Protein backbone atom coordinates (compact mmCIF):
# COMPACT_ATOMS: atom_id res chain seq x y z
CA MET A 1 0.23 17.53 26.37
CA GLN A 2 1.89 14.54 27.95
CA GLU A 3 5.69 14.56 27.67
CA LEU A 4 7.05 11.26 28.92
CA ILE A 5 10.72 12.28 28.88
CA PRO A 6 12.49 15.61 28.10
CA LEU A 7 12.29 16.57 24.45
CA GLU A 8 15.68 16.67 22.78
CA SER A 9 16.36 16.91 19.06
CA VAL A 10 15.51 13.80 17.05
CA ASP A 11 16.64 12.29 13.76
CA TYR A 12 13.25 10.78 12.87
CA LEU A 13 9.91 12.31 13.78
CA ALA A 14 6.76 10.20 13.42
CA VAL A 15 3.43 12.07 13.47
CA GLY A 16 0.11 10.25 13.72
CA HIS A 17 -2.21 8.33 16.02
CA VAL A 18 -1.09 5.27 17.88
CA ALA A 19 -3.87 2.71 17.67
CA ILE A 20 -5.39 -0.06 19.68
CA ASP A 21 -5.88 -3.06 17.41
CA ARG A 22 -8.60 -5.54 18.27
CA THR A 23 -7.29 -8.99 17.42
CA PRO A 24 -8.51 -12.56 18.08
CA SER A 25 -5.94 -12.76 20.88
CA GLY A 26 -6.99 -9.46 22.49
CA LEU A 27 -6.08 -5.78 22.31
CA CYS A 28 -2.59 -4.71 21.24
CA LEU A 29 -0.80 -1.49 20.43
CA GLY A 30 -0.48 -0.61 16.77
CA GLY A 31 -0.68 2.32 14.40
CA THR A 32 1.87 3.34 11.80
CA VAL A 33 3.82 5.54 14.22
CA SER A 34 4.36 2.60 16.60
CA TYR A 35 5.79 0.29 13.94
CA ALA A 36 7.74 3.08 12.24
CA ALA A 37 9.31 4.41 15.44
CA LEU A 38 10.43 0.99 16.64
CA THR A 39 11.90 0.18 13.23
CA ALA A 40 13.73 3.49 12.95
CA ARG A 41 15.25 2.96 16.39
CA VAL A 42 16.64 -0.43 15.35
CA LEU A 43 18.18 1.40 12.39
CA GLY A 44 20.03 3.73 14.75
CA MET A 45 17.76 6.77 14.61
CA ARG A 46 16.86 8.98 17.57
CA VAL A 47 13.09 8.93 17.25
CA GLY A 48 10.35 11.26 18.49
CA ILE A 49 6.59 10.71 18.30
CA VAL A 50 3.69 13.17 18.21
CA THR A 51 0.38 11.39 18.77
CA SER A 52 -2.89 11.44 20.71
CA ALA A 53 -4.35 8.87 23.08
CA SER A 54 -6.41 8.56 26.23
CA ALA A 55 -4.80 8.64 29.66
CA THR A 56 -5.59 4.94 30.09
CA ALA A 57 -3.81 3.84 26.90
CA SER A 58 -0.79 1.64 27.51
CA LEU A 59 2.18 2.92 25.52
CA GLU A 60 4.57 0.53 27.24
CA PRO A 61 5.95 -0.89 23.95
CA LEU A 62 7.10 2.68 23.18
CA ALA A 63 8.93 3.14 26.48
CA GLY A 64 12.09 5.19 26.07
CA PHE A 65 10.85 7.31 23.18
CA PRO A 66 10.27 11.04 23.64
CA ILE A 67 6.52 11.33 23.05
CA VAL A 68 4.19 14.30 22.81
CA CYS A 69 0.78 12.77 23.52
CA ILE A 70 -2.23 15.04 23.07
CA PRO A 71 -4.87 14.21 25.71
CA SER A 72 -8.01 12.60 24.35
CA ASP A 73 -11.12 10.92 25.69
CA SER A 74 -10.42 7.98 23.38
CA THR A 75 -7.56 6.18 21.70
CA THR A 76 -7.96 5.37 18.02
CA GLU A 77 -9.14 1.76 17.85
CA PHE A 78 -9.47 -0.49 14.81
CA GLU A 79 -10.81 -3.98 14.30
CA ASN A 80 -9.99 -6.04 11.21
CA ILE A 81 -12.60 -8.67 10.39
CA PRO A 82 -11.68 -11.34 7.81
CA SER A 83 -14.06 -11.42 4.86
CA ASN A 84 -14.13 -12.65 1.29
CA PRO A 85 -12.36 -11.01 -0.40
CA GLY A 86 -9.86 -9.32 1.92
CA ARG A 87 -11.08 -7.92 5.21
CA ARG A 88 -13.57 -5.51 6.71
CA GLN A 89 -12.20 -2.81 8.97
CA ILE A 90 -14.11 -1.06 11.74
CA LEU A 91 -13.04 2.19 13.42
CA HIS A 92 -14.43 1.97 16.96
CA HIS A 93 -12.84 5.10 18.45
CA ARG A 94 -10.76 8.05 17.25
CA ALA A 95 -8.34 10.16 19.29
CA ALA A 96 -7.95 13.95 19.16
CA GLN A 97 -6.81 15.98 16.17
CA ILE A 98 -3.09 16.81 15.86
CA LEU A 99 -2.16 20.43 15.13
CA LEU A 100 1.10 22.14 14.18
CA ASP A 101 1.24 23.75 17.62
CA HIS A 102 1.50 20.28 19.18
CA ILE A 103 4.82 19.63 17.42
CA PRO A 104 7.84 20.96 19.36
CA GLN A 105 9.67 23.68 17.46
CA ASN A 106 12.97 21.80 17.33
CA TRP A 107 11.24 18.69 15.97
CA ARG A 108 9.81 20.54 12.97
CA THR A 109 13.26 20.49 11.35
CA ALA A 110 14.16 16.85 12.07
CA PRO A 111 16.25 15.25 9.29
CA ILE A 112 13.47 12.73 8.60
CA ILE A 113 9.83 13.60 9.26
CA HIS A 114 7.28 10.84 8.70
CA LEU A 115 3.68 11.97 8.35
CA ALA A 116 1.67 8.86 9.18
CA PRO A 117 -2.08 9.52 9.37
CA ILE A 118 -4.36 6.54 9.94
CA ALA A 119 -7.67 8.36 10.53
CA SER A 120 -7.29 11.86 9.02
CA GLU A 121 -5.93 13.01 12.38
CA PHE A 122 -4.17 16.06 10.95
CA GLU A 123 -4.68 18.28 7.94
CA PRO A 124 -2.63 17.63 4.79
CA GLY A 125 -1.53 21.28 4.90
CA LEU A 126 0.70 20.40 7.86
CA ALA A 127 3.29 19.19 5.36
CA ALA A 128 4.01 22.74 4.22
CA ASP A 129 4.86 23.86 7.76
CA LEU A 130 7.63 21.32 8.35
CA THR A 131 11.23 21.52 7.18
CA ALA A 132 12.98 18.18 6.87
CA ASN A 133 15.84 16.84 4.79
CA LEU A 134 13.40 14.07 3.90
CA LEU A 135 9.65 14.45 4.31
CA GLY A 136 8.24 10.94 4.09
CA VAL A 137 4.50 10.38 3.85
CA THR A 138 2.32 7.30 4.26
CA PRO A 139 -1.08 8.78 3.32
CA GLN A 140 -3.24 5.80 4.27
CA GLY A 141 -5.38 7.83 6.65
CA TRP A 142 -6.29 10.31 3.90
CA LEU A 143 -7.30 7.54 1.50
CA ARG A 144 -10.21 6.19 3.53
CA SER A 145 -13.36 7.29 5.30
CA TRP A 146 -15.88 5.67 7.63
CA ASP A 147 -19.62 5.71 8.13
CA GLU A 148 -21.65 6.19 11.31
CA SER A 149 -21.18 2.55 12.28
CA GLY A 150 -17.39 2.89 11.91
CA ARG A 151 -17.17 0.79 8.74
CA VAL A 152 -14.03 1.89 6.89
CA PHE A 153 -14.03 2.22 3.12
CA ALA A 154 -11.72 3.59 0.45
CA SER A 155 -12.40 7.17 -0.58
CA PRO A 156 -10.84 9.75 -2.92
CA TRP A 157 -7.94 11.79 -1.55
CA GLU A 158 -9.03 15.40 -1.69
CA ASP A 159 -6.37 17.67 -3.21
CA PRO A 160 -3.50 15.12 -3.06
CA GLY A 161 -1.12 17.60 -4.67
CA LEU A 162 -1.05 19.57 -1.42
CA VAL A 163 1.04 16.75 0.08
CA LEU A 164 2.52 15.07 -2.98
CA ASN A 165 4.25 18.27 -4.10
CA GLN A 166 5.84 18.72 -0.66
CA ALA A 167 6.95 15.14 -0.01
CA GLY A 168 10.40 13.77 -0.64
CA ALA A 169 9.02 10.23 -0.72
CA VAL A 170 5.53 8.72 -0.54
CA VAL A 171 4.81 5.10 0.39
CA LEU A 172 1.35 3.59 0.04
CA SER A 173 -0.15 0.20 -0.68
CA LEU A 174 -2.00 -0.78 -3.82
CA ASP A 175 -4.91 -1.79 -1.58
CA ASP A 176 -4.97 1.76 -0.14
CA MET A 177 -5.61 2.88 -3.72
CA ASP A 178 -8.38 0.32 -4.22
CA ARG A 179 -5.94 -1.20 -6.75
CA ASP A 180 -6.57 1.73 -9.10
CA LEU A 181 -3.47 1.87 -11.32
CA GLU A 182 -4.60 5.07 -13.03
CA ARG A 183 -4.55 6.86 -9.67
CA VAL A 184 -1.13 5.40 -8.97
CA GLU A 185 0.21 6.83 -12.24
CA SER A 186 -1.41 10.18 -11.47
CA TYR A 187 0.21 10.35 -8.04
CA ALA A 188 3.57 9.29 -9.47
CA HIS A 189 3.52 12.34 -11.74
CA GLN A 190 2.76 14.67 -8.83
CA THR A 191 5.55 13.69 -6.44
CA ARG A 192 9.31 13.18 -6.51
CA LEU A 193 9.31 9.54 -5.47
CA LEU A 194 6.43 7.10 -5.08
CA CYS A 195 6.69 3.58 -3.73
CA VAL A 196 3.66 1.29 -4.00
CA THR A 197 3.70 -1.85 -1.88
CA GLU A 198 1.88 -4.97 -3.08
CA GLY A 199 2.16 -7.39 -0.18
CA ALA A 200 3.70 -10.72 -1.18
CA ALA A 201 4.41 -9.32 -4.66
CA GLY A 202 6.90 -6.79 -3.24
CA CYS A 203 6.82 -3.15 -4.35
CA VAL A 204 7.02 -0.87 -7.36
CA VAL A 205 9.04 2.35 -7.25
CA TYR A 206 8.37 5.35 -9.49
CA TRP A 207 11.27 7.79 -9.62
CA ASN A 208 12.80 10.18 -12.13
CA GLY A 209 10.59 8.91 -14.95
CA ASP A 210 11.56 5.30 -14.29
CA ARG A 211 9.58 2.42 -12.80
CA ARG A 212 11.12 -0.63 -11.14
CA ARG A 213 9.68 -3.65 -9.37
CA PHE A 214 11.31 -5.24 -6.32
CA PRO A 215 9.99 -8.75 -5.57
CA ALA A 216 9.61 -9.85 -1.97
CA PRO A 217 11.31 -12.98 -0.62
CA SER A 218 9.06 -15.98 -0.10
CA VAL A 219 8.20 -16.18 3.61
CA ASP A 220 5.63 -18.16 5.59
CA LYS A 221 3.18 -15.49 6.72
CA VAL A 222 2.06 -15.43 10.34
CA ASP A 223 0.78 -11.84 10.54
CA SER A 224 1.16 -9.08 7.96
CA THR A 225 -0.10 -6.34 10.31
CA GLY A 226 2.39 -3.48 10.34
CA ALA A 227 4.53 -4.85 7.51
CA GLY A 228 3.80 -1.83 5.34
CA ASP A 229 4.68 0.52 8.20
CA ILE A 230 7.95 -1.29 8.82
CA PHE A 231 8.64 -1.11 5.08
CA ALA A 232 8.00 2.64 5.02
CA SER A 233 10.25 3.39 7.97
CA ALA A 234 13.08 1.26 6.61
CA PHE A 235 12.62 2.85 3.18
CA PHE A 236 12.77 6.41 4.51
CA VAL A 237 15.83 5.77 6.68
CA ARG A 238 17.75 3.93 3.96
CA LEU A 239 16.81 6.58 1.40
CA TYR A 240 18.04 9.31 3.73
CA MET A 241 21.32 7.47 4.31
CA THR A 242 22.05 6.52 0.67
CA ARG A 243 19.98 8.90 -1.51
CA ASP A 244 19.34 5.80 -3.64
CA PRO A 245 15.64 4.89 -4.08
CA TRP A 246 16.45 1.51 -5.63
CA GLU A 247 18.64 0.50 -2.71
CA ALA A 248 16.06 1.83 -0.25
CA ALA A 249 13.37 -0.31 -1.88
CA ARG A 250 15.54 -3.43 -1.87
CA PHE A 251 16.46 -2.91 1.77
CA ALA A 252 12.91 -2.15 2.94
CA THR A 253 11.44 -5.11 1.08
CA GLN A 254 13.85 -7.41 2.88
CA ALA A 255 13.14 -5.81 6.28
CA ALA A 256 9.37 -6.09 5.84
CA SER A 257 9.64 -9.74 4.80
CA PHE A 258 11.14 -10.61 8.18
CA SER A 259 8.25 -8.93 9.97
CA ILE A 260 5.41 -11.11 8.68
CA SER A 261 6.83 -14.21 10.35
CA ARG A 262 5.82 -12.89 13.80
CA LEU A 263 2.77 -11.33 15.45
CA GLY A 264 2.19 -7.58 15.79
CA LEU A 265 5.02 -5.48 17.19
CA ASP A 266 7.09 -8.63 17.63
CA GLY A 267 7.58 -8.34 13.88
CA ILE A 268 9.92 -5.36 14.26
CA PRO A 269 13.19 -6.48 12.64
CA THR A 270 15.95 -7.53 15.02
CA PRO A 271 19.47 -6.06 14.81
CA LYS A 272 20.64 -9.35 13.25
CA GLU A 273 17.89 -9.17 10.62
CA ILE A 274 18.80 -5.57 9.84
CA GLU A 275 22.42 -6.65 9.43
CA ASP A 276 21.24 -9.26 6.93
CA CYS A 277 19.31 -6.57 5.04
CA TYR A 278 22.51 -4.64 4.43
CA MET A 279 24.01 -7.64 2.67
CA GLU A 280 22.88 -7.62 -0.95
CA VAL A 281 23.20 -10.97 -2.68
CA LEU A 282 24.38 -10.42 -6.24
CA PRO A 283 23.07 -12.75 -8.97
């Protein structure tokens, strides 16, 4: 394993593959853990990352983070191709599997642990082996499969209760669910707190038998890549700090809205934008 700097205790642990995203302007670093880690750091968290990538992968945007990087012949690589409707996604390469043994012992009890699979890179059962004050899950990578050509498609989540019963909060997009509202309701009944993001429409939070919608501010969209990951990280941190799901949703919706006005990792909220997120405008 590649340890870039000594591994001290962290407040926020992100587990999942970094990714190389093929874009019209070239290759860039992505993956939920990249967006989540950078967002959590802006929010004042000490962040650690457990991932897998090839030795040639450039993790420069993540400089300064303690990273456990499992050696791999490849780095997970996605390409999003615009189509009507939506987009087609191709998985060109996939990095190595992540196991419990790869996670440092003192990181397994981090206050916030974010399980962030993008290509089924670890088993759902990993959730039961971690002890966090808040176990946050973005299950996107368990909600899709790919064929021999790498074409990605939505697929059923096998035994979702294995994770949903363990999680303190789950964030997923309606598109991840193939816009299946019956599945959303089913998942909401199996977990403590479910937040479903709907892009420009904002998000819907299911908690304690209640359901509330949080509309997103109107923003000129430049690039929505990573907005859901930024939302999830902001949601988990704010939830951990306040124990208030409604406030966490309001805060995260605002933070994610800033992100779509810039490209890629440049969409990580700035300290000034985060300061603005803390200020709730009362009607």
